[in-house]
């Protein structure tokens, strides 16, 4: 592979590696979201409409199952070969975006401003979800954006819109925390890109060295075979030349007995 071909192939391989990393974190994402959903349902079961809560839980479980099936399909079809059977990146983004919208809707539907302890716990729960998303999806920034923005902005809006000073501060702090996470994810994303590029470049260099070594070994085998053929040819030619030379010596010996003495110098010259 030429250097130009390497440069053209590298961005696609980097993107594929980023997608592989976020799909690798899918089990952790689903387990963490499930634990948070159980906590939310348990906290609000006797405080909000159970029908709305059951509907939200049903949508959450359905989405989590669909994302689990998607991850299973990815590893079955794409993990090793990077085949483009499906648009794995956009499908992951859709799932992350829908999950973020579900969590954002939960903050609006199940928000109870008259119970500060519950609100504080809800904010802590969402901070944990955003932090987990930053750590698990930061290798590919869009994956984090698609979840964190729709999940956090409605909560911040609901807190600010309440108007009470404590909730106003909490809403602004939530947005501030989201911004801090953006900076963290951006740095994490940049470092991951550098690491992936370095690994791929080293892998390509290793493959190039291996190919050159194999080419040199093939050239050495060809040279050795040529040497064997040359020696075989020289041995055959030497054998074929010795026979007529030996016969010529016999003929000269016989001729020596027939030629008169004055012409013997010609026989000696021959």
C-alpha atoms as a PDB file:
ATOM      1  CA  UNK A   1       0.000   0.000   0.000  1.00  0.00           C
ATOM      2  CA  UNK A   2       1.401   3.378  -1.035  1.00  0.00           C
ATOM      3  CA  UNK A   3       1.633   6.327   1.378  1.00  0.00           C
ATOM      4  CA  UNK A   4      -1.207   8.091  -0.474  1.00  0.00           C
ATOM      5  CA  UNK A   5      -3.448   5.044  -0.119  1.00  0.00           C
ATOM      6  CA  UNK A   6      -2.576   4.848   3.581  1.00  0.00           C
ATOM      7  CA  UNK A   7      -3.603   8.483   4.117  1.00  0.00           C
ATOM      8  CA  UNK A   8      -6.869   7.893   2.275  1.00  0.00           C
ATOM      9  CA  UNK A   9      -7.699   4.724   4.239  1.00  0.00           C
ATOM     10  CA  UNK A  10      -6.740   6.023   7.678  1.00  0.00           C
ATOM     11  CA  UNK A  11      -9.726   8.383   8.347  1.00  0.00           C
ATOM     12  CA  UNK A  12     -12.227   5.613   7.596  1.00  0.00           C
ATOM     13  CA  UNK A  13     -10.362   3.192   9.826  1.00  0.00           C
ATOM     14  CA  UNK A  14     -10.242   5.796  12.617  1.00  0.00           C
ATOM     15  CA  UNK A  15     -14.002   6.313  12.362  1.00  0.00           C
ATOM     16  CA  UNK A  16     -14.599   2.557  12.398  1.00  0.00           C
ATOM     17  CA  UNK A  17     -12.404   2.214  15.474  1.00  0.00           C
ATOM     18  CA  UNK A  18     -14.331   4.999  17.231  1.00  0.00           C
ATOM     19  CA  UNK A  19     -17.613   3.256  16.470  1.00  0.00           C
ATOM     20  CA  UNK A  20     -16.154  -0.012  17.721  1.00  0.00           C
ATOM     21  CA  UNK A  21     -15.211   1.672  21.013  1.00  0.00           C
ATOM     22  CA  UNK A  22     -18.679   3.087  21.677  1.00  0.00           C
ATOM     23  CA  UNK A  23     -20.345  -0.228  20.827  1.00  0.00           C
ATOM     24  CA  UNK A  24     -17.903  -1.918  23.164  1.00  0.00           C
ATOM     25  CA  UNK A  25     -19.306   0.270  25.968  1.00  0.00           C
ATOM     26  CA  UNK A  26     -22.937  -0.531  25.105  1.00  0.00           C
ATOM     27  CA  UNK A  27     -23.416  -3.139  27.901  1.00  0.00           C
ATOM     28  CA  UNK A  28     -22.194  -0.642  30.503  1.00  0.00           C
ATOM     29  CA  UNK A  29     -24.451   2.062  29.060  1.00  0.00           C
ATOM     30  CA  UNK A  30     -27.525  -0.168  29.145  1.00  0.00           C
ATOM     31  CA  UNK A  31     -26.847  -1.510  32.643  1.00  0.00           C
ATOM     32  CA  UNK A  32     -26.242   1.982  34.049  1.00  0.00           C
ATOM     33  CA  UNK A  33     -29.380   3.346  32.421  1.00  0.00           C
ATOM     34  CA  UNK A  34     -31.410   0.417  33.717  1.00  0.00           C
ATOM     35  CA  UNK A  35     -30.226   0.995  37.290  1.00  0.00           C
ATOM     36  CA  UNK A  36     -31.066   4.700  37.007  1.00  0.00           C
ATOM     37  CA  UNK A  37     -34.500   3.891  35.554  1.00  0.00           C
ATOM     38  CA  UNK A  38     -35.263   1.497  38.402  1.00  0.00           C
ATOM     39  CA  UNK A  39     -34.274   4.200  40.885  1.00  0.00           C
ATOM     40  CA  UNK A  40     -36.488   6.766  39.148  1.00  0.00           C
ATOM     41  CA  UNK A  41     -39.488   4.446  39.019  1.00  0.00           C
ATOM     42  CA  UNK A  42     -39.033   3.455  42.651  1.00  0.00           C
ATOM     43  CA  UNK A  43     -38.821   7.076  43.793  1.00  0.00           C
ATOM     44  CA  UNK A  44     -41.860   8.291  41.880  1.00  0.00           C
ATOM     45  CA  UNK A  45     -44.167   5.264  41.979  1.00  0.00           C
ATOM     46  CA  UNK A  46     -46.472   6.676  44.685  1.00  0.00           C
ATOM     47  CA  UNK A  47     -45.996  10.332  43.760  1.00  0.00           C
ATOM     48  CA  UNK A  48     -46.900  10.647  40.063  1.00  0.00           C
ATOM     49  CA  UNK A  49     -49.322   9.094  37.621  1.00  0.00           C
ATOM     50  CA  UNK A  50     -48.593   5.393  37.535  1.00  0.00           C
ATOM     51  CA  UNK A  51     -49.989   5.114  34.019  1.00  0.00           C
ATOM     52  CA  UNK A  52     -47.502   7.704  32.770  1.00  0.00           C
ATOM     53  CA  UNK A  53     -44.748   6.011  34.718  1.00  0.00           C
ATOM     54  CA  UNK A  54     -45.594   2.584  33.282  1.00  0.00           C
ATOM     55  CA  UNK A  55     -45.708   4.040  29.775  1.00  0.00           C
ATOM     56  CA  UNK A  56     -42.308   5.660  30.264  1.00  0.00           C
ATOM     57  CA  UNK A  57     -40.854   2.421  31.672  1.00  0.00           C
ATOM     58  CA  UNK A  58     -42.311   0.446  28.751  1.00  0.00           C
ATOM     59  CA  UNK A  59     -40.734   2.809  26.217  1.00  0.00           C
ATOM     60  CA  UNK A  60     -37.446   2.709  28.098  1.00  0.00           C
ATOM     61  CA  UNK A  61     -37.317  -1.096  28.193  1.00  0.00           C
ATOM     62  CA  UNK A  62     -38.273  -1.324  24.507  1.00  0.00           C
ATOM     63  CA  UNK A  63     -35.552   1.127  23.515  1.00  0.00           C
ATOM     64  CA  UNK A  64     -32.958  -0.617  25.687  1.00  0.00           C
ATOM     65  CA  UNK A  65     -33.863  -3.972  24.104  1.00  0.00           C
ATOM     66  CA  UNK A  66     -33.592  -2.486  20.599  1.00  0.00           C
ATOM     67  CA  UNK A  67     -30.170  -1.022  21.394  1.00  0.00           C
ATOM     68  CA  UNK A  68     -29.058  -4.358  22.810  1.00  0.00           C
ATOM     69  CA  UNK A  69     -30.129  -6.104  19.605  1.00  0.00           C
ATOM     70  CA  UNK A  70     -28.297  -3.467  17.592  1.00  0.00           C
ATOM     71  CA  UNK A  71     -25.094  -4.027  19.590  1.00  0.00           C
ATOM     72  CA  UNK A  72     -25.406  -7.788  19.141  1.00  0.00           C
ATOM     73  CA  UNK A  73     -25.855  -7.344  15.382  1.00  0.00           C
ATOM     74  CA  UNK A  74     -22.821  -5.062  15.255  1.00  0.00           C
ATOM     75  CA  UNK A  75     -20.533  -7.574  16.929  1.00  0.00           C
ATOM     76  CA  UNK A  76     -21.920 -10.390  14.779  1.00  0.00           C
ATOM     77  CA  UNK A  77     -21.369  -8.562  11.486  1.00  0.00           C
ATOM     78  CA  UNK A  78     -18.927  -5.755  11.904  1.00  0.00           C
ATOM     79  CA  UNK A  79     -16.534  -6.026  14.838  1.00  0.00           C
ATOM     80  CA  UNK A  80     -13.720  -7.785  13.002  1.00  0.00           C
ATOM     81  CA  UNK A  81     -14.222  -6.924   9.333  1.00  0.00           C
ATOM     82  CA  UNK A  82     -15.623  -3.345   9.558  1.00  0.00           C
ATOM     83  CA  UNK A  83     -18.154  -4.329   6.905  1.00  0.00           C
ATOM     84  CA  UNK A  84     -20.626  -1.618   5.952  1.00  0.00           C
ATOM     85  CA  UNK A  85     -23.732  -3.763   6.267  1.00  0.00           C
ATOM     86  CA  UNK A  86     -25.558  -1.070   8.247  1.00  0.00           C
ATOM     87  CA  UNK A  87     -24.823   2.592   9.129  1.00  0.00           C
ATOM     88  CA  UNK A  88     -23.652   1.637  12.614  1.00  0.00           C
ATOM     89  CA  UNK A  89     -22.700   5.156  13.703  1.00  0.00           C
ATOM     90  CA  UNK A  90     -26.012   6.857  12.813  1.00  0.00           C
ATOM     91  CA  UNK A  91     -27.979   3.965  14.312  1.00  0.00           C
ATOM     92  CA  UNK A  92     -26.097   4.369  17.583  1.00  0.00           C
ATOM     93  CA  UNK A  93     -26.751   8.129  17.511  1.00  0.00           C
ATOM     94  CA  UNK A  94     -30.479   7.559  16.986  1.00  0.00           C
ATOM     95  CA  UNK A  95     -30.592   5.222  19.966  1.00  0.00           C
ATOM     96  CA  UNK A  96     -28.626   7.650  22.131  1.00  0.00           C
ATOM     97  CA  UNK A  97     -30.840  10.545  21.046  1.00  0.00           C
ATOM     98  CA  UNK A  98     -34.043   8.643  21.819  1.00  0.00           C
ATOM     99  CA  UNK A  99     -32.666   7.638  25.215  1.00  0.00           C
ATOM    100  CA  UNK A 100     -31.795  11.269  25.940  1.00  0.00           C
ATOM    101  CA  UNK A 101     -35.292  12.358  24.938  1.00  0.00           C
ATOM    102  CA  UNK A 102     -36.837   9.746  27.245  1.00  0.00           C
ATOM    103  CA  UNK A 103     -34.783  10.953  30.186  1.00  0.00           C
ATOM    104  CA  UNK A 104     -35.525  14.572  29.302  1.00  0.00           C
ATOM    105  CA  UNK A 105     -39.254  13.808  29.186  1.00  0.00           C
ATOM    106  CA  UNK A 106     -39.001  12.130  32.599  1.00  0.00           C
ATOM    107  CA  UNK A 107     -37.707  15.349  34.166  1.00  0.00           C
ATOM    108  CA  UNK A 108     -40.685  17.273  32.805  1.00  0.00           C
ATOM    109  CA  UNK A 109     -43.386  14.691  33.513  1.00  0.00           C
ATOM    110  CA  UNK A 110     -42.162  13.483  36.895  1.00  0.00           C
ATOM    111  CA  UNK A 111     -40.739  16.735  38.259  1.00  0.00           C
ATOM    112  CA  UNK A 112     -42.000  17.472  41.791  1.00  0.00           C
ATOM    113  CA  UNK A 113     -40.853  20.980  42.786  1.00  0.00           C
ATOM    114  CA  UNK A 114     -42.488  20.831  46.211  1.00  0.00           C
ATOM    115  CA  UNK A 115     -40.163  18.033  47.355  1.00  0.00           C
ATOM    116  CA  UNK A 116     -36.618  19.463  47.349  1.00  0.00           C
ATOM    117  CA  UNK A 117     -35.062  16.181  48.478  1.00  0.00           C
ATOM    118  CA  UNK A 118     -36.532  14.425  45.483  1.00  0.00           C
ATOM    119  CA  UNK A 119     -35.380  17.209  43.132  1.00  0.00           C
ATOM    120  CA  UNK A 120     -31.848  17.067  44.552  1.00  0.00           C
ATOM    121  CA  UNK A 121     -31.772  13.305  44.106  1.00  0.00           C
ATOM    122  CA  UNK A 122     -33.100  13.687  40.567  1.00  0.00           C
ATOM    123  CA  UNK A 123     -30.354  16.181  39.712  1.00  0.00           C
ATOM    124  CA  UNK A 124     -27.744  13.860  41.182  1.00  0.00           C
ATOM    125  CA  UNK A 125     -29.157  10.987  39.136  1.00  0.00           C
ATOM    126  CA  UNK A 126     -28.900  12.976  35.923  1.00  0.00           C
ATOM    127  CA  UNK A 127     -25.399  14.147  36.771  1.00  0.00           C
ATOM    128  CA  UNK A 128     -24.413  10.498  37.107  1.00  0.00           C
ATOM    129  CA  UNK A 129     -26.014   9.641  33.756  1.00  0.00           C
ATOM    130  CA  UNK A 130     -24.217  12.480  31.982  1.00  0.00           C
ATOM    131  CA  UNK A 131     -20.911  11.543  33.595  1.00  0.00           C
ATOM    132  CA  UNK A 132     -21.352   7.898  32.599  1.00  0.00           C
ATOM    133  CA  UNK A 133     -22.215   8.942  29.053  1.00  0.00           C
ATOM    134  CA  UNK A 134     -19.102  11.147  28.884  1.00  0.00           C
ATOM    135  CA  UNK A 135     -16.906   8.268  30.009  1.00  0.00           C
ATOM    136  CA  UNK A 136     -18.513   5.606  27.803  1.00  0.00           C
ATOM    137  CA  UNK A 137     -19.259   7.613  24.638  1.00  0.00           C
ATOM    138  CA  UNK A 138     -16.517  10.237  24.738  1.00  0.00           C
ATOM    139  CA  UNK A 139     -14.456   8.362  22.175  1.00  0.00           C
ATOM    140  CA  UNK A 140     -16.923   9.630  19.562  1.00  0.00           C
ATOM    141  CA  UNK A 141     -18.268  13.082  20.516  1.00  0.00           C
ATOM    142  CA  UNK A 142     -21.592  12.948  18.598  1.00  0.00           C
ATOM    143  CA  UNK A 143     -22.596   9.911  20.672  1.00  0.00           C
ATOM    144  CA  UNK A 144     -22.315  12.010  23.830  1.00  0.00           C
ATOM    145  CA  UNK A 145     -24.029  15.076  22.366  1.00  0.00           C
ATOM    146  CA  UNK A 146     -27.018  13.094  21.129  1.00  0.00           C
ATOM    147  CA  UNK A 147     -27.700  11.816  24.655  1.00  0.00           C
ATOM    148  CA  UNK A 148     -26.548  14.548  27.013  1.00  0.00           C
ATOM    149  CA  UNK A 149     -28.244  17.554  25.408  1.00  0.00           C
ATOM    150  CA  UNK A 150     -31.842  16.213  25.216  1.00  0.00           C
ATOM    151  CA  UNK A 151     -31.457  14.566  28.629  1.00  0.00           C
ATOM    152  CA  UNK A 152     -30.112  17.582  30.518  1.00  0.00           C
ATOM    153  CA  UNK A 153     -31.557  20.713  28.900  1.00  0.00           C
ATOM    154  CA  UNK A 154     -35.205  19.912  29.833  1.00  0.00           C
ATOM    155  CA  UNK A 155     -34.175  19.377  33.460  1.00  0.00           C
ATOM    156  CA  UNK A 156     -32.261  22.672  33.509  1.00  0.00           C
ATOM    157  CA  UNK A 157     -35.196  24.474  31.902  1.00  0.00           C
ATOM    158  CA  UNK A 158     -37.639  22.975  34.387  1.00  0.00           C
ATOM    159  CA  UNK A 159     -35.488  24.058  37.318  1.00  0.00           C
ATOM    160  CA  UNK A 160     -34.970  27.587  35.974  1.00  0.00           C
ATOM    161  CA  UNK A 161     -38.623  27.972  34.985  1.00  0.00           C
ATOM    162  CA  UNK A 162     -39.753  27.157  38.517  1.00  0.00           C
ATOM    163  CA  UNK A 163     -38.489  30.575  39.567  1.00  0.00           C
ATOM    164  CA  UNK A 164     -37.375  29.764  43.088  1.00  0.00           C
ATOM    165  CA  UNK A 165     -33.867  30.859  43.871  1.00  0.00           C
ATOM    166  CA  UNK A 166     -32.542  27.448  44.864  1.00  0.00           C
ATOM    167  CA  UNK A 167     -33.929  25.816  41.731  1.00  0.00           C
ATOM    168  CA  UNK A 168     -32.632  28.659  39.572  1.00  0.00           C
ATOM    169  CA  UNK A 169     -29.127  28.079  40.933  1.00  0.00           C
ATOM    170  CA  UNK A 170     -29.473  24.339  40.481  1.00  0.00           C
ATOM    171  CA  UNK A 171     -30.635  24.807  36.868  1.00  0.00           C
ATOM    172  CA  UNK A 172     -27.714  27.076  36.042  1.00  0.00           C
ATOM    173  CA  UNK A 173     -25.292  24.703  37.764  1.00  0.00           C
ATOM    174  CA  UNK A 174     -26.721  21.842  35.715  1.00  0.00           C
ATOM    175  CA  UNK A 175     -25.986  23.725  32.512  1.00  0.00           C
ATOM    176  CA  UNK A 176     -22.539  24.632  33.830  1.00  0.00           C
ATOM    177  CA  UNK A 177     -21.865  20.981  34.617  1.00  0.00           C
ATOM    178  CA  UNK A 178     -22.980  20.026  31.109  1.00  0.00           C
ATOM    179  CA  UNK A 179     -20.515  22.536  29.695  1.00  0.00           C
ATOM    180  CA  UNK A 180     -17.706  21.088  31.828  1.00  0.00           C
ATOM    181  CA  UNK A 181     -18.596  17.656  30.484  1.00  0.00           C
ATOM    182  CA  UNK A 182     -18.409  19.020  26.935  1.00  0.00           C
ATOM    183  CA  UNK A 183     -14.860  20.221  27.579  1.00  0.00           C
ATOM    184  CA  UNK A 184     -13.908  16.890  29.125  1.00  0.00           C
ATOM    185  CA  UNK A 185     -15.416  14.914  26.244  1.00  0.00           C
ATOM    186  CA  UNK A 186     -13.703  17.131  23.685  1.00  0.00           C
ATOM    187  CA  UNK A 187     -10.317  16.482  25.305  1.00  0.00           C
ATOM    188  CA  UNK A 188     -11.077  12.794  25.674  1.00  0.00           C
ATOM    189  CA  UNK A 189     -12.178  12.649  22.045  1.00  0.00           C
ATOM    190  CA  UNK A 190      -9.003  14.377  20.836  1.00  0.00           C
ATOM    191  CA  UNK A 191      -6.750  12.086  22.864  1.00  0.00           C
ATOM    192  CA  UNK A 192      -8.623   9.028  21.638  1.00  0.00           C
ATOM    193  CA  UNK A 193      -8.192  10.150  18.040  1.00  0.00           C
ATOM    194  CA  UNK A 194      -4.446  10.596  18.552  1.00  0.00           C
ATOM    195  CA  UNK A 195      -4.170   7.174  20.183  1.00  0.00           C
ATOM    196  CA  UNK A 196      -6.177   5.457  17.440  1.00  0.00           C
ATOM    197  CA  UNK A 197      -4.188   7.140  14.679  1.00  0.00           C
ATOM    198  CA  UNK A 198      -0.903   6.189  16.327  1.00  0.00           C
ATOM    199  CA  UNK A 199      -1.990   2.582  16.738  1.00  0.00           C
ATOM    200  CA  UNK A 200      -3.179   2.339  13.136  1.00  0.00           C
ATOM    201  CA  UNK A 201      -0.031   3.979  11.786  1.00  0.00           C
ATOM    202  CA  UNK A 202       2.136   1.611  13.818  1.00  0.00           C
ATOM    203  CA  UNK A 203       0.089  -1.314  12.593  1.00  0.00           C
ATOM    204  CA  UNK A 204       0.493  -0.198   8.978  1.00  0.00           C
ATOM    205  CA  UNK A 205       4.228   0.293   9.454  1.00  0.00           C
ATOM    206  CA  UNK A 206       4.479  -3.162  10.997  1.00  0.00           C
ATOM    207  CA  UNK A 207       2.580  -4.667   8.085  1.00  0.00           C
ATOM    208  CA  UNK A 208       4.826  -2.792   5.646  1.00  0.00           C
ATOM    209  CA  UNK A 209       7.963  -4.077   7.397  1.00  0.00           C
ATOM    210  CA  UNK A 210       6.523  -7.587   7.383  1.00  0.00           C
ATOM    211  CA  UNK A 211       5.735  -7.330   3.659  1.00  0.00           C
ATOM    212  CA  UNK A 212       9.250  -6.046   2.899  1.00  0.00           C
ATOM    213  CA  UNK A 213      10.732  -8.874   4.953  1.00  0.00           C
ATOM    214  CA  UNK A 214       8.658 -11.428   3.062  1.00  0.00           C
ATOM    215  CA  UNK A 215       9.712  -9.843  -0.244  1.00  0.00           C
ATOM    216  CA  UNK A 216      13.378 -10.015   0.790  1.00  0.00           C
ATOM    217  CA  UNK A 217      12.972 -13.658   1.805  1.00  0.00           C
ATOM    218  CA  UNK A 218      11.368 -14.437  -1.556  1.00  0.00           C
ATOM    219  CA  UNK A 219      14.230 -12.681  -3.364  1.00  0.00           C
ATOM    220  CA  UNK A 220      16.751 -14.650  -1.319  1.00  0.00           C
ATOM    221  CA  UNK A 221      15.000 -17.918  -2.159  1.00  0.00           C
ATOM    222  CA  UNK A 222      15.009 -16.986  -5.862  1.00  0.00           C
ATOM    223  CA  UNK A 223      18.739 -16.154  -5.714  1.00  0.00           C
ATOM    224  CA  UNK A 224      19.498 -19.418  -3.933  1.00  0.00           C
ATOM    225  CA  UNK A 225      17.501 -21.361  -6.499  1.00  0.00           C
ATOM    226  CA  UNK A 226      19.323 -19.559  -9.297  1.00  0.00           C
ATOM    227  CA  UNK A 227      22.659 -20.495  -7.703  1.00  0.00           C
ATOM    228  CA  UNK A 228      21.573 -24.139  -7.486  1.00  0.00           C
ATOM    229  CA  UNK A 229      20.506 -24.122 -11.138  1.00  0.00           C
ATOM    230  CA  UNK A 230      23.812 -22.507 -12.180  1.00  0.00           C
ATOM    231  CA  UNK A 231      25.852 -25.107 -10.328  1.00  0.00           C
ATOM    232  CA  UNK A 232      23.740 -27.855 -11.828  1.00  0.00           C
ATOM    233  CA  UNK A 233      24.248 -26.422 -15.311  1.00  0.00           C
ATOM    234  CA  UNK A 234      28.006 -26.083 -14.833  1.00  0.00           C
ATOM    235  CA  UNK A 235      28.231 -29.644 -13.570  1.00  0.00           C
ATOM    236  CA  UNK A 236      26.318 -30.939 -16.586  1.00  0.00           C
ATOM    237  CA  UNK A 237      28.337 -28.807 -19.009  1.00  0.00           C
ATOM    238  CA  UNK A 238      31.623 -29.958 -17.431  1.00  0.00           C
ATOM    239  CA  UNK A 239      30.571 -33.573 -17.818  1.00  0.00           C
ATOM    240  CA  UNK A 240      29.501 -33.051 -21.435  1.00  0.00           C
ATOM    241  CA  UNK A 241      32.801 -31.292 -22.272  1.00  0.00           C
ATOM    242  CA  UNK A 242      35.060 -33.890 -20.670  1.00  0.00           C
ATOM    243  CA  UNK A 243      33.860 -36.688 -22.942  1.00  0.00           C
ATOM    244  CA  UNK A 244      34.819 -35.085 -26.311  1.00  0.00           C
ATOM    245  CA  UNK A 245      38.090 -33.781 -24.864  1.00  0.00           C
ATOM    246  CA  UNK A 246      38.974 -37.283 -23.681  1.00  0.00           C
ATOM    247  CA  UNK A 247      38.080 -38.694 -27.098  1.00  0.00           C
ATOM    248  CA  UNK A 248      40.183 -36.011 -28.777  1.00  0.00           C
ATOM    249  CA  UNK A 249      43.160 -37.050 -26.626  1.00  0.00           C
ATOM    250  CA  UNK A 250      42.721 -40.659 -27.743  1.00  0.00           C
ATOM    251  CA  UNK A 251      42.554 -39.611 -31.377  1.00  0.00           C
ATOM    252  CA  UNK A 252      45.721 -37.512 -31.003  1.00  0.00           C
ATOM    253  CA  UNK A 253      47.506 -40.456 -29.393  1.00  0.00           C
ATOM    254  CA  UNK A 254      46.505 -42.700 -32.293  1.00  0.00           C
ATOM    255  CA  UNK A 255      47.482 -40.021 -34.808  1.00  0.00           C
ATOM    256  CA  UNK A 256      50.897 -39.673 -33.177  1.00  0.00           C
ATOM    257  CA  UNK A 257      51.699 -43.250 -34.258  1.00  0.00           C
ATOM    258  CA  UNK A 258      50.758 -42.539 -37.863  1.00  0.00           C
ATOM    259  CA  UNK A 259      52.425 -39.148 -38.510  1.00  0.00           C
ATOM    260  CA  UNK A 260      56.056 -39.072 -39.673  1.00  0.00           C
ATOM    261  CA  UNK A 261      58.614 -37.591 -37.318  1.00  0.00           C
ATOM    262  CA  UNK A 262      59.102 -34.320 -39.272  1.00  0.00           C
ATOM    263  CA  UNK A 263      55.418 -33.408 -38.719  1.00  0.00           C
ATOM    264  CA  UNK A 264      55.426 -34.467 -35.051  1.00  0.00           C
ATOM    265  CA  UNK A 265      55.667 -30.845 -33.918  1.00  0.00           C
ATOM    266  CA  UNK A 266      52.144 -30.288 -35.308  1.00  0.00           C
ATOM    267  CA  UNK A 267      50.841 -33.120 -33.162  1.00  0.00           C
ATOM    268  CA  UNK A 268      52.592 -31.578 -30.159  1.00  0.00           C
ATOM    269  CA  UNK A 269      50.998 -28.222 -30.950  1.00  0.00           C
ATOM    270  CA  UNK A 270      47.552 -29.876 -31.160  1.00  0.00           C
END
